[in-house]
């Protein structure tokens, strides 16, 4: 079976937590995945665009080259 919108850990959801919620997510296809813990949670904006520490919009702590640490 497939979900109409998105899937989070095997459960169908209307959307991923792109801009709100305690844990922010990004989508890869129709799957929701959590942003890296070193990404700063952006209020009303996209926190990350991938799973790595180099895909954060802004770092929660420090940036070392392309990576948040």
C-alpha atoms as a PDB file:
ATOM      1  CA  UNK A   1       0.000   0.000   0.000  1.00  0.00           C
ATOM      2  CA  UNK A   2       1.026   3.606  -0.368  1.00  0.00           C
ATOM      3  CA  UNK A   3       0.096   6.765   1.490  1.00  0.00           C
ATOM      4  CA  UNK A   4      -1.870   9.588  -0.073  1.00  0.00           C
ATOM      5  CA  UNK A   5       0.579  12.248   1.152  1.00  0.00           C
ATOM      6  CA  UNK A   6       3.534  11.231   3.348  1.00  0.00           C
ATOM      7  CA  UNK A   7       4.691   8.353   5.532  1.00  0.00           C
ATOM      8  CA  UNK A   8       6.486   8.614   8.881  1.00  0.00           C
ATOM      9  CA  UNK A   9       8.010   5.337  10.147  1.00  0.00           C
ATOM     10  CA  UNK A  10       5.359   3.338   8.284  1.00  0.00           C
ATOM     11  CA  UNK A  11       2.378   5.481   9.336  1.00  0.00           C
ATOM     12  CA  UNK A  12       0.540   7.653   6.799  1.00  0.00           C
ATOM     13  CA  UNK A  13       0.468  11.375   7.691  1.00  0.00           C
ATOM     14  CA  UNK A  14      -0.935  14.448   5.959  1.00  0.00           C
ATOM     15  CA  UNK A  15       2.435  16.251   6.017  1.00  0.00           C
ATOM     16  CA  UNK A  16       5.909  16.158   7.492  1.00  0.00           C
ATOM     17  CA  UNK A  17       6.920  18.529  10.310  1.00  0.00           C
ATOM     18  CA  UNK A  18       8.698  20.956   7.974  1.00  0.00           C
ATOM     19  CA  UNK A  19       8.036  24.213   9.852  1.00  0.00           C
ATOM     20  CA  UNK A  20       6.430  23.317  13.179  1.00  0.00           C
ATOM     21  CA  UNK A  21       6.607  20.759  15.965  1.00  0.00           C
ATOM     22  CA  UNK A  22       9.226  19.670  18.471  1.00  0.00           C
ATOM     23  CA  UNK A  23      11.130  17.574  15.915  1.00  0.00           C
ATOM     24  CA  UNK A  24      11.641  19.032  12.444  1.00  0.00           C
ATOM     25  CA  UNK A  25      11.703  16.888   9.346  1.00  0.00           C
ATOM     26  CA  UNK A  26      12.492  16.833   5.663  1.00  0.00           C
ATOM     27  CA  UNK A  27      10.955  14.664   2.969  1.00  0.00           C
ATOM     28  CA  UNK A  28      12.750  12.242   0.696  1.00  0.00           C
ATOM     29  CA  UNK A  29      10.106  11.317  -1.837  1.00  0.00           C
ATOM     30  CA  UNK A  30       7.022  10.719   0.289  1.00  0.00           C
ATOM     31  CA  UNK A  31       8.899   9.637   3.450  1.00  0.00           C
ATOM     32  CA  UNK A  32       9.402  11.992   6.424  1.00  0.00           C
ATOM     33  CA  UNK A  33      12.811  11.890   8.130  1.00  0.00           C
ATOM     34  CA  UNK A  34      14.130  13.839  11.128  1.00  0.00           C
ATOM     35  CA  UNK A  35      16.659  16.621  10.670  1.00  0.00           C
ATOM     36  CA  UNK A  36      20.111  16.126  12.175  1.00  0.00           C
ATOM     37  CA  UNK A  37      20.227  16.999  15.918  1.00  0.00           C
ATOM     38  CA  UNK A  38      22.806  19.745  15.262  1.00  0.00           C
ATOM     39  CA  UNK A  39      20.332  21.688  13.091  1.00  0.00           C
ATOM     40  CA  UNK A  40      18.740  24.680  14.800  1.00  0.00           C
ATOM     41  CA  UNK A  41      14.948  24.409  14.795  1.00  0.00           C
ATOM     42  CA  UNK A  42      13.646  27.244  12.613  1.00  0.00           C
ATOM     43  CA  UNK A  43      10.316  28.787  13.587  1.00  0.00           C
ATOM     44  CA  UNK A  44       8.164  29.131  10.493  1.00  0.00           C
ATOM     45  CA  UNK A  45      10.973  28.042   8.200  1.00  0.00           C
ATOM     46  CA  UNK A  46      12.662  24.944   6.855  1.00  0.00           C
ATOM     47  CA  UNK A  47      15.201  23.516   9.332  1.00  0.00           C
ATOM     48  CA  UNK A  48      17.031  21.167   6.941  1.00  0.00           C
ATOM     49  CA  UNK A  49      16.878  19.622   3.503  1.00  0.00           C
ATOM     50  CA  UNK A  50      18.541  16.291   4.295  1.00  0.00           C
ATOM     51  CA  UNK A  51      19.672  14.018   7.108  1.00  0.00           C
ATOM     52  CA  UNK A  52      23.291  15.100   7.471  1.00  0.00           C
ATOM     53  CA  UNK A  53      24.866  17.802   9.605  1.00  0.00           C
ATOM     54  CA  UNK A  54      25.754  19.579   6.350  1.00  0.00           C
ATOM     55  CA  UNK A  55      22.091  20.048   5.300  1.00  0.00           C
ATOM     56  CA  UNK A  56      21.001  22.409   8.105  1.00  0.00           C
ATOM     57  CA  UNK A  57      19.593  25.836   7.322  1.00  0.00           C
ATOM     58  CA  UNK A  58      21.282  27.113  10.495  1.00  0.00           C
ATOM     59  CA  UNK A  59      23.423  25.345  13.098  1.00  0.00           C
ATOM     60  CA  UNK A  60      22.233  24.888  16.673  1.00  0.00           C
ATOM     61  CA  UNK A  61      25.803  25.351  17.941  1.00  0.00           C
ATOM     62  CA  UNK A  62      28.771  25.844  15.608  1.00  0.00           C
ATOM     63  CA  UNK A  63      29.683  25.302  11.962  1.00  0.00           C
ATOM     64  CA  UNK A  64      32.909  23.547  11.000  1.00  0.00           C
ATOM     65  CA  UNK A  65      33.225  23.989   7.251  1.00  0.00           C
ATOM     66  CA  UNK A  66      29.933  22.734   5.790  1.00  0.00           C
ATOM     67  CA  UNK A  67      28.977  20.729   8.913  1.00  0.00           C
ATOM     68  CA  UNK A  68      27.152  21.719  12.089  1.00  0.00           C
ATOM     69  CA  UNK A  69      28.893  20.477  15.226  1.00  0.00           C
END
